[in-house]
Amino acid sequence: MLKTNKGQIDVRVVILFVFIFILTLVLGNFIIKTSANLVLAAVVGISLFILCFISVKYALYTLIFSMLLSPEFGTRTTEGGGMTIRLDDFLLIIIAFGWFARTAIYKELGLFRKTPMNRPILYYMLACGVSTALGMMFGNVQLFKGFFFLLKYLEYFIVYFMAINYLENRKQIRNMVIALIIVFVIICFASIAQIPQGERITAPFEGKGGEPNTLGGYLLLILSIVGGLLLNTDKNDSFKYKAALGFMAFLAIIPILFSQSRGTWIAVVPCYLTFLIISKKKALLGIMLVLTLVLGPFLIPKTVKERFEYTFQKQKGWTAKYQEKIGGVTLDTSTSERIISAKRAITAYAKHPLFGYGVTGWRFLDAQYLKTLVETGLLGITALGFLLYAVLRETRKVYKGTEDKFHKGVSMGFFAGTIAMMAHALGANTFIIVRIMEPFCFLMAIVVSIHQMQEAEKLQKEEMDKTKKDASPAFTSSPFILRR
């Protein structure tokens, strides 16, 4: 503190005013020499920085709505070439720096709240960092490319820590889930609007070369939350609430089908089976499953049937020689290419079994587990496995330990959604895709916050009970009172 005649001045306030003064001088010089578009972008960036500095709450809501609704620039090939930049990438960096600045000045807020996920996240990031550093040393990884991919991975977990530091009560948790679902509904309508074009649908603002598989994974993840909430309703819940959840579940099925993402369709199976196993409404889920199997062939759109049949269709001409066979079944060229890439990855992994080639150190591979194995070796795949196990363990603990129907629904949905993403990752880089990992980390923070909030409430109740017990029985049972 600084002492003056009028009292005390907080050092942090002085630092803030000095920072603003210097920033004003720099911006004045920048505006004079720069184009209007860059000035506008800088103003938006600084506004977001200040917004995050003032309130993490508004920064998090901004991030939620930008996850799937921010535009993408650049192009990317199916082999992983090219580069795309999303507005969301810049927003996340700006918001993260604003959050770091806030916690640096207000140290009582804490940077990383202690949670059961801290250690698994640390192990995974260390495994990726060590493998990439070794890959740079041996010339397998380009310095800037490897660094920025690691930064991208870290950004996902910054979302988790920002959310976990903010969420403290039931209202905040409920509002965050509602915001995620609102974006989900917007994406569903925007995706359905693409169907008349006759092409595979993708997330909004992806431009050319969109990723239907990414859209399918995202929709299935949030659909799992909606499904969990729906399965945890009872007679006390209003019909409007149940109808809204049912409508949203039905709404999501349409774009999932028309995404023509076979990886997503496969992931639906373990997701539904998980609900069937852990939910108390097994009879309802069983009936729905039977009806789907009986009526599905008559209701499924023609384009979906053709996409499924194409998987096992033998090509004619020179393309036929690129088709793989498994158990006498011929696979399409796309699936065959994945199998060929998997064989090459396993062969390459044998040369660097412990640490791998480093992140981005090997060729493009659209399969999360094989990619992690060949890039980060046994160290990285073990760390990823431990991280996913920790997510399932903590989510199950919350589901078993809570009596709140909303919290039970969210935790059930996230458990099934995580299982679905693990299946989705067999044919996609699910756990490094920004449009899946950002909502995934948000939901992870929400579930862990539920557990921490319940533990705090339980401890508070125990302390109150102990205080009451120490206050009354000790007095009434006094021998002096008995003698009187």
Protein backbone atom coordinates (compact mmCIF):
# COMPACT_ATOMS: atom_id res chain seq x y z
CA MET A 1 0.00 0.00 0.00
CA LEU A 2 1.06 3.63 -0.63
CA LYS A 3 0.41 6.08 2.20
CA THR A 4 -0.70 9.69 1.49
CA ASN A 5 -2.17 12.52 3.55
CA LYS A 6 -5.65 11.51 2.51
CA GLY A 7 -5.24 7.85 3.35
CA GLN A 8 -4.05 4.80 1.45
CA ILE A 9 -3.92 4.04 -2.25
CA ASP A 10 -3.94 0.48 -3.50
CA VAL A 11 -0.74 -0.27 -5.48
CA ARG A 12 -2.82 -2.31 -7.91
CA VAL A 13 -4.91 0.74 -8.80
CA VAL A 14 -1.75 2.74 -9.52
CA ILE A 15 -0.38 -0.07 -11.71
CA LEU A 16 -3.68 -0.23 -13.60
CA PHE A 17 -3.72 3.52 -14.31
CA VAL A 18 -0.08 3.45 -15.45
CA PHE A 19 -0.88 0.53 -17.74
CA ILE A 20 -3.87 2.39 -19.22
CA PHE A 21 -1.78 5.54 -19.76
CA ILE A 22 0.99 3.67 -21.59
CA LEU A 23 -1.57 1.68 -23.59
CA THR A 24 -3.27 4.93 -24.65
CA LEU A 25 0.01 6.33 -26.01
CA VAL A 26 0.77 3.14 -27.91
CA LEU A 27 -2.75 2.97 -29.36
CA GLY A 28 -2.62 6.59 -30.47
CA ASN A 29 0.51 5.91 -32.48
CA PHE A 30 -0.98 2.63 -33.80
CA ILE A 31 -4.23 4.25 -35.01
CA ILE A 32 -2.41 6.96 -36.98
CA LYS A 33 -0.32 4.45 -38.96
CA THR A 34 -2.82 1.59 -39.41
CA SER A 35 -5.83 0.80 -41.63
CA ALA A 36 -9.39 1.09 -40.37
CA ASN A 37 -9.99 -2.70 -40.39
CA LEU A 38 -7.00 -3.40 -38.18
CA VAL A 39 -7.97 -0.57 -35.85
CA LEU A 40 -11.48 -2.04 -35.56
CA ALA A 41 -10.04 -5.50 -34.83
CA ALA A 42 -7.72 -4.02 -32.21
CA VAL A 43 -10.59 -2.16 -30.54
CA VAL A 44 -12.67 -5.36 -30.39
CA GLY A 45 -9.70 -7.29 -29.01
CA ILE A 46 -8.94 -4.68 -26.34
CA SER A 47 -12.63 -4.50 -25.43
CA LEU A 48 -12.71 -8.26 -24.88
CA PHE A 49 -9.51 -8.05 -22.85
CA ILE A 50 -11.04 -5.37 -20.61
CA LEU A 51 -14.30 -7.32 -20.43
CA CYS A 52 -12.48 -10.42 -19.20
CA PHE A 53 -10.44 -8.32 -16.79
CA ILE A 54 -13.60 -6.84 -15.30
CA SER A 55 -15.79 -9.96 -15.38
CA VAL A 56 -14.89 -13.54 -16.23
CA LYS A 57 -18.61 -14.26 -16.45
CA TYR A 58 -19.19 -12.20 -19.62
CA ALA A 59 -15.96 -13.48 -21.16
CA LEU A 60 -17.12 -17.07 -20.70
CA TYR A 61 -20.52 -16.38 -22.26
CA THR A 62 -18.77 -14.69 -25.19
CA LEU A 63 -16.63 -17.78 -25.60
CA ILE A 64 -19.64 -20.13 -25.45
CA PHE A 65 -21.42 -18.32 -28.29
CA SER A 66 -18.25 -18.02 -30.37
CA MET A 67 -17.41 -21.75 -30.18
CA LEU A 68 -19.60 -22.77 -33.11
CA LEU A 69 -20.70 -19.38 -34.40
CA SER A 70 -17.34 -17.78 -35.24
CA PRO A 71 -16.18 -17.59 -38.89
CA GLU A 72 -13.25 -19.54 -40.27
CA PHE A 73 -10.66 -18.26 -42.76
CA GLY A 74 -8.27 -20.17 -44.97
CA THR A 75 -8.43 -23.60 -46.60
CA ARG A 76 -7.47 -27.10 -45.58
CA THR A 77 -7.10 -30.32 -47.56
CA THR A 78 -8.31 -33.78 -46.55
CA GLU A 79 -4.66 -34.78 -46.12
CA GLY A 80 -4.20 -32.12 -43.43
CA GLY A 81 -2.45 -29.59 -45.64
CA GLY A 82 -3.14 -25.87 -45.63
CA MET A 83 -4.19 -23.80 -42.67
CA THR A 84 -7.39 -22.37 -41.25
CA ILE A 85 -7.76 -19.61 -38.67
CA ARG A 86 -10.95 -19.08 -36.72
CA LEU A 87 -12.07 -15.91 -34.98
CA ASP A 88 -12.60 -18.12 -31.97
CA ASP A 89 -8.84 -18.81 -31.81
CA PHE A 90 -8.12 -15.10 -31.37
CA LEU A 91 -10.96 -14.66 -28.89
CA LEU A 92 -9.65 -17.49 -26.74
CA ILE A 93 -6.12 -16.05 -26.69
CA ILE A 94 -7.38 -12.54 -25.82
CA ILE A 95 -9.72 -13.84 -23.13
CA ALA A 96 -6.98 -16.06 -21.68
CA PHE A 97 -4.56 -13.12 -21.45
CA GLY A 98 -7.27 -11.03 -19.80
CA TRP A 99 -7.86 -13.79 -17.28
CA PHE A 100 -4.13 -14.16 -16.58
CA ALA A 101 -3.84 -10.40 -16.04
CA ARG A 102 -6.80 -10.41 -13.67
CA THR A 103 -5.44 -13.27 -11.56
CA ALA A 104 -1.94 -11.72 -11.55
CA ILE A 105 -3.25 -8.48 -10.01
CA TYR A 106 -5.91 -10.04 -7.79
CA LYS A 107 -3.85 -12.91 -6.42
CA GLU A 108 -6.59 -13.93 -4.00
CA LEU A 109 -8.62 -15.21 -6.99
CA GLY A 110 -6.06 -17.95 -7.70
CA LEU A 111 -4.90 -19.09 -11.12
CA PHE A 112 -5.70 -22.81 -11.03
CA ARG A 113 -8.26 -24.05 -8.55
CA LYS A 114 -7.37 -27.44 -7.11
CA THR A 115 -9.51 -30.11 -8.77
CA PRO A 116 -9.25 -33.88 -9.43
CA MET A 117 -8.54 -33.10 -13.10
CA ASN A 118 -5.43 -30.97 -12.55
CA ARG A 119 -2.99 -33.84 -12.37
CA PRO A 120 -4.31 -35.78 -15.41
CA ILE A 121 -4.25 -32.55 -17.45
CA LEU A 122 -0.70 -31.80 -16.29
CA TYR A 123 0.50 -35.31 -17.19
CA TYR A 124 -1.06 -35.10 -20.67
CA MET A 125 0.43 -31.66 -21.41
CA LEU A 126 3.84 -32.76 -20.10
CA ALA A 127 3.75 -35.86 -22.31
CA CYS A 128 2.90 -33.75 -25.37
CA GLY A 129 5.52 -31.13 -24.44
CA VAL A 130 8.37 -33.60 -23.85
CA SER A 131 7.60 -35.56 -27.03
CA THR A 132 7.42 -32.38 -29.12
CA ALA A 133 10.63 -30.95 -27.63
CA LEU A 134 12.46 -34.18 -28.51
CA GLY A 135 10.86 -34.09 -31.97
CA MET A 136 12.25 -30.57 -32.47
CA MET A 137 15.71 -31.69 -31.36
CA PHE A 138 15.74 -34.57 -33.84
CA GLY A 139 14.28 -32.50 -36.68
CA ASN A 140 10.89 -34.22 -36.85
CA VAL A 141 8.89 -31.18 -35.70
CA GLN A 142 9.00 -27.66 -37.14
CA LEU A 143 9.58 -25.20 -34.31
CA PHE A 144 6.66 -22.81 -34.86
CA LYS A 145 4.19 -25.46 -36.00
CA GLY A 146 4.86 -27.66 -32.99
CA PHE A 147 4.76 -24.72 -30.56
CA PHE A 148 1.44 -23.37 -31.81
CA PHE A 149 -0.21 -26.78 -31.78
CA LEU A 150 0.88 -27.25 -28.17
CA LEU A 151 -0.48 -23.79 -27.40
CA LYS A 152 -3.76 -24.85 -29.01
CA TYR A 153 -3.97 -27.92 -26.76
CA LEU A 154 -3.24 -25.74 -23.72
CA GLU A 155 -5.97 -23.27 -24.70
CA TYR A 156 -8.60 -26.00 -24.34
CA PHE A 157 -7.62 -26.63 -20.75
CA ILE A 158 -7.48 -22.90 -20.04
CA VAL A 159 -11.20 -22.92 -20.88
CA TYR A 160 -11.62 -25.58 -18.19
CA PHE A 161 -9.71 -23.61 -15.55
CA MET A 162 -11.45 -20.33 -16.38
CA ALA A 163 -14.85 -21.98 -16.00
CA ILE A 164 -13.93 -23.92 -12.86
CA ASN A 165 -12.67 -20.71 -11.20
CA TYR A 166 -15.95 -18.93 -12.01
CA LEU A 167 -18.57 -21.58 -11.21
CA GLU A 168 -19.53 -21.49 -7.54
CA ASN A 169 -23.29 -21.98 -7.24
CA ARG A 170 -26.27 -23.75 -8.78
CA LYS A 171 -27.53 -20.72 -10.69
CA GLN A 172 -24.20 -20.22 -12.48
CA ILE A 173 -24.04 -23.90 -13.42
CA ARG A 174 -27.62 -23.90 -14.73
CA ASN A 175 -27.09 -20.72 -16.77
CA MET A 176 -23.91 -22.09 -18.38
CA VAL A 177 -25.67 -25.30 -19.40
CA ILE A 178 -28.60 -23.31 -20.80
CA ALA A 179 -26.21 -21.12 -22.82
CA LEU A 180 -24.53 -24.23 -24.29
CA ILE A 181 -27.93 -25.67 -25.22
CA ILE A 182 -29.07 -22.40 -26.84
CA VAL A 183 -26.01 -22.48 -29.13
CA PHE A 184 -26.75 -26.16 -29.81
CA VAL A 185 -30.31 -25.33 -30.97
CA ILE A 186 -29.02 -22.51 -33.21
CA ILE A 187 -26.52 -24.92 -34.79
CA CYS A 188 -29.25 -27.51 -35.35
CA PHE A 189 -31.46 -25.04 -37.25
CA ALA A 190 -28.49 -23.66 -39.21
CA SER A 191 -27.45 -27.20 -40.19
CA ILE A 192 -30.96 -28.25 -41.21
CA ALA A 193 -31.16 -25.17 -43.43
CA GLN A 194 -28.24 -26.60 -45.48
CA ILE A 195 -30.03 -29.86 -46.32
CA PRO A 196 -31.85 -28.57 -49.47
CA GLN A 197 -28.44 -27.80 -51.02
CA GLY A 198 -27.93 -31.54 -51.45
CA GLU A 199 -24.41 -31.61 -49.98
CA ARG A 200 -23.03 -32.88 -46.68
CA ILE A 201 -23.86 -30.34 -43.99
CA THR A 202 -21.22 -28.70 -41.79
CA ALA A 203 -21.07 -26.22 -38.93
CA PRO A 204 -21.92 -22.59 -39.82
CA PHE A 205 -19.22 -20.27 -41.20
CA GLU A 206 -16.78 -23.08 -42.02
CA GLY A 207 -16.52 -22.04 -45.65
CA LYS A 208 -15.21 -24.43 -48.27
CA GLY A 209 -13.97 -27.84 -47.18
CA GLY A 210 -16.01 -27.98 -43.99
CA GLU A 211 -15.89 -30.90 -41.58
CA PRO A 212 -19.20 -32.81 -41.29
CA ASN A 213 -17.53 -35.26 -38.90
CA THR A 214 -16.76 -32.39 -36.51
CA LEU A 215 -20.34 -31.15 -36.66
CA GLY A 216 -21.62 -34.67 -35.98
CA GLY A 217 -19.34 -35.09 -32.97
CA TYR A 218 -20.36 -31.73 -31.48
CA LEU A 219 -24.08 -32.40 -31.97
CA LEU A 220 -23.80 -35.84 -30.37
CA LEU A 221 -21.93 -34.43 -27.37
CA ILE A 222 -24.57 -31.79 -26.56
CA LEU A 223 -27.40 -34.16 -27.53
CA SER A 224 -26.09 -36.43 -24.77
CA ILE A 225 -26.57 -33.61 -22.25
CA VAL A 226 -30.11 -33.00 -23.49
CA GLY A 227 -30.79 -36.75 -23.31
CA GLY A 228 -29.43 -36.94 -19.77
CA LEU A 229 -31.68 -34.08 -18.66
CA LEU A 230 -34.70 -35.69 -20.35
CA LEU A 231 -34.07 -39.09 -18.71
CA ASN A 232 -33.91 -37.46 -15.28
CA THR A 233 -37.30 -35.76 -15.43
CA ASP A 234 -40.24 -37.01 -13.37
CA LYS A 235 -43.93 -36.28 -12.82
CA ASN A 236 -43.11 -33.09 -10.92
CA ASP A 237 -41.52 -31.50 -14.00
CA SER A 238 -43.77 -29.48 -16.29
CA PHE A 239 -44.94 -30.84 -19.63
CA LYS A 240 -43.40 -27.83 -21.42
CA TYR A 241 -39.96 -28.62 -19.99
CA LYS A 242 -40.15 -32.28 -21.04
CA ALA A 243 -41.55 -31.37 -24.48
CA ALA A 244 -38.77 -28.82 -25.06
CA LEU A 245 -36.08 -31.39 -24.22
CA GLY A 246 -37.77 -34.02 -26.41
CA PHE A 247 -38.06 -31.57 -29.31
CA MET A 248 -34.37 -30.63 -29.05
CA ALA A 249 -33.37 -34.30 -29.02
CA PHE A 250 -35.44 -34.98 -32.14
CA LEU A 251 -34.14 -31.81 -33.78
CA ALA A 252 -30.51 -32.92 -33.39
CA ILE A 253 -31.13 -36.32 -34.97
CA ILE A 254 -31.88 -34.71 -38.35
CA PRO A 255 -28.49 -32.96 -38.86
CA ILE A 256 -26.64 -35.94 -37.38
CA LEU A 257 -28.16 -38.13 -40.10
CA PHE A 258 -27.58 -35.62 -42.91
CA SER A 259 -23.98 -34.93 -41.83
CA GLN A 260 -23.36 -38.40 -43.33
CA SER A 261 -20.61 -38.81 -40.73
CA ARG A 262 -20.18 -42.53 -40.31
CA GLY A 263 -17.93 -41.96 -37.31
CA THR A 264 -20.77 -40.12 -35.58
CA TRP A 265 -23.29 -42.80 -36.48
CA ILE A 266 -21.01 -45.43 -34.95
CA ALA A 267 -20.56 -43.30 -31.81
CA VAL A 268 -24.35 -43.11 -31.34
CA VAL A 269 -24.39 -46.85 -30.51
CA PRO A 270 -22.16 -46.82 -27.37
CA CYS A 271 -23.77 -43.53 -26.32
CA TYR A 272 -27.28 -45.03 -26.40
CA LEU A 273 -26.12 -48.26 -24.74
CA THR A 274 -24.56 -46.22 -21.93
CA PHE A 275 -27.89 -44.49 -21.31
CA LEU A 276 -29.61 -47.88 -21.44
CA ILE A 277 -27.26 -49.31 -18.79
CA ILE A 278 -27.10 -46.44 -16.28
CA SER A 279 -30.57 -44.88 -16.63
CA LYS A 280 -33.51 -46.00 -14.51
CA LYS A 281 -35.82 -45.61 -17.51
CA LYS A 282 -34.59 -48.79 -19.18
CA ALA A 283 -38.04 -49.84 -20.37
CA LEU A 284 -38.58 -46.56 -22.24
CA LEU A 285 -35.13 -46.72 -23.84
CA GLY A 286 -35.65 -50.38 -24.76
CA ILE A 287 -38.95 -49.61 -26.49
CA MET A 288 -37.37 -46.71 -28.38
CA LEU A 289 -34.54 -48.97 -29.50
CA VAL A 290 -36.94 -51.64 -30.81
CA LEU A 291 -39.04 -49.03 -32.64
CA THR A 292 -35.90 -47.55 -34.22
CA LEU A 293 -34.73 -50.95 -35.45
CA VAL A 294 -38.18 -51.81 -36.85
CA LEU A 295 -39.16 -48.46 -38.37
CA GLY A 296 -35.68 -47.07 -39.09
CA PRO A 297 -35.23 -48.73 -42.51
CA PHE A 298 -38.49 -47.10 -43.69
CA LEU A 299 -37.85 -43.64 -42.18
CA ILE A 300 -34.13 -43.12 -42.82
CA PRO A 301 -33.54 -40.70 -45.75
CA LYS A 302 -32.29 -42.10 -49.05
CA THR A 303 -29.00 -40.15 -48.89
CA VAL A 304 -28.22 -41.73 -45.53
CA LYS A 305 -28.85 -45.23 -46.89
CA GLU A 306 -26.64 -44.53 -49.92
CA ARG A 307 -23.84 -43.25 -47.68
CA PHE A 308 -24.00 -46.41 -45.59
CA GLU A 309 -24.11 -48.71 -48.64
CA TYR A 310 -21.19 -46.84 -50.22
CA THR A 311 -18.95 -48.06 -47.38
CA PHE A 312 -19.14 -51.62 -48.73
CA GLN A 313 -19.50 -50.85 -52.43
CA LYS A 314 -16.84 -52.22 -54.78
CA GLN A 315 -15.56 -49.58 -57.18
CA LYS A 316 -14.92 -50.05 -60.87
CA GLY A 317 -11.79 -49.21 -62.80
CA TRP A 318 -8.43 -48.10 -61.37
CA THR A 319 -9.90 -47.04 -57.98
CA ALA A 320 -10.73 -50.66 -57.15
CA LYS A 321 -7.06 -51.47 -56.50
CA TYR A 322 -7.01 -48.95 -53.61
CA GLN A 323 -9.83 -50.71 -51.76
CA GLU A 324 -8.97 -52.75 -48.69
CA LYS A 325 -10.73 -55.94 -47.62
CA ILE A 326 -11.50 -57.12 -44.08
CA GLY A 327 -12.94 -60.59 -43.65
CA GLY A 328 -13.84 -60.73 -47.32
CA VAL A 329 -15.75 -57.43 -47.12
CA THR A 330 -14.60 -54.71 -49.55
CA LEU A 331 -14.37 -51.22 -48.08
CA ASP A 332 -14.69 -47.89 -49.89
CA THR A 333 -11.60 -45.86 -50.77
CA SER A 334 -12.01 -43.43 -47.85
CA THR A 335 -12.19 -46.18 -45.24
CA SER A 336 -9.43 -48.07 -47.03
CA GLU A 337 -7.16 -45.01 -46.86
CA ARG A 338 -7.70 -44.85 -43.10
CA ILE A 339 -6.71 -48.49 -42.75
CA ILE A 340 -3.59 -47.98 -44.88
CA SER A 341 -2.65 -44.90 -42.80
CA ALA A 342 -3.16 -46.92 -39.61
CA LYS A 343 -0.77 -49.62 -40.83
CA ARG A 344 1.85 -47.01 -41.70
CA ALA A 345 1.41 -45.34 -38.32
CA ILE A 346 1.97 -48.60 -36.42
CA THR A 347 5.10 -49.29 -38.47
CA ALA A 348 6.38 -45.77 -37.78
CA TYR A 349 5.54 -46.03 -34.08
CA ALA A 350 7.84 -49.04 -33.71
CA LYS A 351 10.82 -46.75 -34.45
CA HIS A 352 9.98 -44.30 -31.63
CA PRO A 353 7.88 -46.31 -29.17
CA LEU A 354 8.34 -44.30 -25.96
CA PHE A 355 8.13 -40.62 -26.94
CA GLY A 356 6.96 -40.76 -30.56
CA TYR A 357 7.79 -38.17 -33.22
CA GLY A 358 6.34 -35.16 -31.37
CA VAL A 359 3.11 -33.27 -32.01
CA THR A 360 2.88 -32.61 -35.81
CA GLY A 361 6.09 -34.65 -36.22
CA TRP A 362 4.47 -37.30 -38.40
CA ARG A 363 2.16 -37.08 -41.39
CA PHE A 364 -1.53 -36.22 -41.06
CA LEU A 365 -3.60 -38.96 -39.46
CA ASP A 366 -7.35 -38.62 -38.82
CA ALA A 367 -7.63 -41.07 -35.94
CA GLN A 368 -7.06 -39.74 -32.42
CA TYR A 369 -5.56 -42.77 -30.71
CA LEU A 370 -3.16 -43.70 -33.50
CA LYS A 371 -2.22 -40.03 -33.91
CA THR A 372 -1.47 -39.73 -30.19
CA LEU A 373 0.46 -42.99 -30.24
CA VAL A 374 2.70 -42.13 -33.20
CA GLU A 375 3.23 -38.49 -32.14
CA THR A 376 3.70 -38.87 -28.38
CA GLY A 377 4.45 -42.57 -28.03
CA LEU A 378 3.57 -44.79 -25.11
CA LEU A 379 3.99 -41.83 -22.77
CA GLY A 380 1.34 -39.75 -24.51
CA ILE A 381 -1.25 -42.47 -25.13
CA THR A 382 -1.00 -43.49 -21.47
CA ALA A 383 -1.49 -39.88 -20.36
CA LEU A 384 -4.52 -39.48 -22.67
CA GLY A 385 -5.99 -42.72 -21.35
CA PHE A 386 -5.49 -41.55 -17.77
CA LEU A 387 -7.14 -38.21 -18.58
CA LEU A 388 -10.22 -39.85 -20.11
CA TYR A 389 -10.43 -42.33 -17.24
CA ALA A 390 -10.32 -39.43 -14.75
CA VAL A 391 -13.14 -37.67 -16.62
CA LEU A 392 -15.34 -40.79 -16.49
CA ARG A 393 -14.45 -41.48 -12.84
CA GLU A 394 -15.30 -37.96 -11.65
CA THR A 395 -18.47 -37.79 -13.76
CA ARG A 396 -19.71 -41.10 -12.40
CA LYS A 397 -18.95 -39.91 -8.86
CA VAL A 398 -21.07 -36.80 -9.40
CA TYR A 399 -23.93 -38.80 -10.94
CA LYS A 400 -23.96 -41.27 -8.04
CA GLY A 401 -23.54 -38.62 -5.35
CA THR A 402 -26.10 -35.96 -6.33
CA GLU A 403 -29.83 -35.91 -5.69
CA ASP A 404 -30.45 -32.77 -7.74
CA LYS A 405 -32.26 -33.85 -10.93
CA PHE A 406 -30.65 -31.18 -13.10
CA HIS A 407 -27.15 -32.04 -11.91
CA LYS A 408 -27.89 -35.74 -12.26
CA GLY A 409 -29.03 -35.18 -15.85
CA VAL A 410 -25.96 -33.14 -16.79
CA SER A 411 -23.55 -35.66 -15.26
CA MET A 412 -25.34 -38.63 -16.85
CA GLY A 413 -25.33 -36.88 -20.20
CA PHE A 414 -21.66 -35.95 -19.97
CA PHE A 415 -20.73 -39.52 -19.00
CA ALA A 416 -22.56 -40.90 -22.06
CA GLY A 417 -21.20 -38.04 -24.19
CA THR A 418 -17.63 -38.83 -23.17
CA ILE A 419 -18.15 -42.49 -24.12
CA ALA A 420 -19.54 -41.28 -27.46
CA MET A 421 -16.52 -39.01 -28.08
CA MET A 422 -14.15 -41.88 -27.25
CA ALA A 423 -15.88 -43.94 -29.97
CA HIS A 424 -15.94 -40.94 -32.33
CA ALA A 425 -12.17 -40.62 -31.84
CA LEU A 426 -11.60 -43.95 -33.60
CA GLY A 427 -12.08 -42.17 -36.93
CA ALA A 428 -11.38 -38.52 -36.10
CA ASN A 429 -9.00 -36.34 -34.09
CA THR A 430 -11.84 -35.68 -31.68
CA PHE A 431 -9.84 -34.58 -28.64
CA ILE A 432 -7.88 -31.88 -30.47
CA ILE A 433 -10.73 -30.42 -32.57
CA VAL A 434 -11.57 -26.95 -31.30
CA ARG A 435 -15.32 -27.18 -31.99
CA ILE A 436 -15.57 -30.32 -29.87
CA MET A 437 -12.91 -29.74 -27.22
CA GLU A 438 -14.07 -26.27 -26.13
CA PRO A 439 -17.61 -27.40 -25.21
CA PHE A 440 -16.16 -30.65 -23.85
CA CYS A 441 -13.85 -28.74 -21.46
CA PHE A 442 -16.71 -26.43 -20.48
CA LEU A 443 -18.87 -29.42 -19.60
CA MET A 444 -15.98 -31.04 -17.75
CA ALA A 445 -15.65 -27.88 -15.63
CA ILE A 446 -19.41 -27.85 -14.98
CA VAL A 447 -19.44 -31.46 -13.77
CA VAL A 448 -16.39 -31.02 -11.53
CA SER A 449 -17.93 -27.80 -10.15
CA ILE A 450 -21.08 -29.72 -9.19
CA HIS A 451 -18.94 -32.12 -7.15
CA GLN A 452 -16.99 -29.33 -5.46
CA MET A 453 -20.15 -27.38 -4.70
CA GLN A 454 -21.75 -30.46 -3.14
CA GLU A 455 -18.65 -31.13 -1.04
CA ALA A 456 -18.67 -27.52 0.19
CA GLU A 457 -22.39 -27.73 1.05
CA LYS A 458 -21.85 -31.03 2.86
CA LEU A 459 -18.95 -29.62 4.88
CA GLN A 460 -20.97 -26.52 5.77
CA LYS A 461 -23.90 -28.65 6.92
CA GLU A 462 -21.63 -30.83 9.06
CA GLU A 463 -20.12 -27.75 10.71
CA MET A 464 -23.58 -26.32 11.42
CA ASP A 465 -24.77 -29.63 12.90
CA LYS A 466 -21.64 -29.83 15.04
CA THR A 467 -22.14 -26.26 16.26
CA LYS A 468 -25.76 -27.00 17.25
CA LYS A 469 -24.74 -30.22 18.95
CA ASP A 470 -21.97 -28.52 20.95
CA ALA A 471 -24.28 -25.67 21.97
CA SER A 472 -27.39 -27.45 23.29
CA PRO A 473 -26.75 -30.96 24.65
CA ALA A 474 -23.69 -29.96 26.66
CA PHE A 475 -25.75 -27.39 28.59
CA THR A 476 -28.90 -29.42 29.19
CA SER A 477 -26.96 -32.44 30.42
CA SER A 478 -24.97 -30.47 33.00
CA PRO A 479 -24.93 -32.13 36.47
CA PHE A 480 -25.66 -28.76 38.03
CA ILE A 481 -28.94 -28.56 36.18
CA LEU A 482 -29.84 -32.11 37.18
CA ARG A 483 -29.20 -31.36 40.83
CA ARG A 484 -31.41 -28.31 40.73
